[in-house]
Amino acid sequence: MRRKLVKLLRLKIEKIKNPWPNVDAASGALLHNFGITEFSYYTVLFAVSRTLGLAAQAVINRAMMNPIIRPKSVTSEWVKEAVKK
């Protein structure tokens, strides 16, 4: 019963009528422009980029002896100054 109700609601709500993977419009357009037209790969590439970002953050924070946090945007000049200290 619940599944039928959920299916009916999903079809009626425009925003979720045809759900796609979690990819924003800009990255999707860029991937399509570079020839990656298989939509199923978009989520994988999104996950890989998030993983690489987290790994880079972990390496920098280890080098600076800081805990891993979600930082605000900083410039490369700030990073250079912080490493010099």
Protein backbone atom coordinates (compact mmCIF):
# COMPACT_ATOMS: atom_id res chain seq x y z
CA MET A 1 0.00 0.00 0.00
CA ARG A 2 2.75 2.42 0.96
CA ARG A 3 4.75 1.72 -2.16
CA LYS A 4 1.76 2.47 -4.36
CA LEU A 5 1.15 5.71 -2.49
CA VAL A 6 4.78 6.73 -2.82
CA LYS A 7 4.75 5.98 -6.55
CA LEU A 8 1.59 8.02 -7.01
CA LEU A 9 2.98 10.95 -5.04
CA ARG A 10 6.25 10.81 -6.92
CA LEU A 11 4.46 11.04 -10.24
CA LYS A 12 2.37 13.99 -9.11
CA ILE A 13 5.22 16.11 -7.68
CA GLU A 14 6.96 17.79 -10.62
CA LYS A 15 10.30 18.15 -8.87
CA ILE A 16 10.72 14.41 -8.31
CA LYS A 17 8.80 13.04 -11.27
CA ASN A 18 11.99 11.99 -13.01
CA PRO A 19 14.85 12.02 -10.46
CA TRP A 20 18.44 12.14 -11.72
CA PRO A 21 21.74 11.57 -9.89
CA ASN A 22 23.10 14.30 -7.68
CA VAL A 23 24.89 16.40 -10.31
CA ASP A 24 24.64 20.15 -10.64
CA ALA A 25 23.96 21.76 -14.00
CA ALA A 26 27.44 23.22 -14.49
CA SER A 27 29.37 19.99 -13.94
CA GLY A 28 26.85 18.03 -16.01
CA ALA A 29 27.24 20.47 -18.91
CA LEU A 30 31.04 20.29 -18.66
CA LEU A 31 31.07 16.50 -18.59
CA HIS A 32 28.77 16.37 -21.61
CA ASN A 33 30.98 18.89 -23.41
CA PHE A 34 34.04 16.69 -22.79
CA GLY A 35 32.26 13.72 -24.33
CA ILE A 36 31.03 11.91 -21.21
CA THR A 37 27.43 11.39 -22.23
CA GLU A 38 26.65 8.37 -20.05
CA PHE A 39 24.57 9.85 -17.25
CA SER A 40 25.30 6.91 -14.95
CA TYR A 41 28.96 8.02 -14.75
CA TYR A 42 28.13 11.49 -13.44
CA THR A 43 27.48 10.29 -9.89
CA VAL A 44 30.67 8.22 -9.91
CA LEU A 45 32.76 11.20 -11.03
CA PHE A 46 31.06 13.37 -8.41
CA ALA A 47 31.97 10.84 -5.69
CA VAL A 48 35.56 10.54 -6.92
CA SER A 49 36.02 14.32 -6.91
CA ARG A 50 34.61 14.56 -3.36
CA THR A 51 36.97 11.79 -2.23
CA LEU A 52 40.00 13.48 -3.79
CA GLY A 53 39.02 16.77 -2.15
CA LEU A 54 38.75 15.12 1.25
CA ALA A 55 42.09 13.36 0.76
CA ALA A 56 43.80 16.64 -0.21
CA GLN A 57 42.30 18.33 2.85
CA ALA A 58 43.52 15.49 5.08
CA VAL A 59 47.08 15.77 3.73
CA ILE A 60 47.21 19.55 4.19
CA ASN A 61 45.73 19.38 7.69
CA ARG A 62 48.16 16.65 8.71
CA ALA A 63 51.06 18.77 7.46
CA MET A 64 49.78 21.77 9.43
CA MET A 65 48.99 19.60 12.53
CA ASN A 66 45.31 20.66 12.45
CA PRO A 67 42.22 18.51 12.86
CA ILE A 68 40.21 17.80 9.73
CA ILE A 69 37.41 20.36 9.50
CA ARG A 70 35.29 21.87 6.77
CA PRO A 71 37.30 25.05 6.13
CA LYS A 72 36.16 28.35 4.76
CA SER A 73 37.58 29.33 1.42
CA VAL A 74 41.21 30.39 1.74
CA THR A 75 43.76 31.61 -0.78
CA SER A 76 46.98 29.85 -1.64
CA GLU A 77 48.82 32.81 -0.09
CA TRP A 78 47.17 32.06 3.27
CA VAL A 79 48.21 28.40 3.02
CA LYS A 80 51.82 29.41 2.27
CA GLU A 81 51.88 31.77 5.27
CA ALA A 82 50.37 29.14 7.55
CA VAL A 83 52.91 26.52 6.46
CA LYS A 84 55.81 28.95 7.09
CA LYS A 85 54.70 29.31 10.73
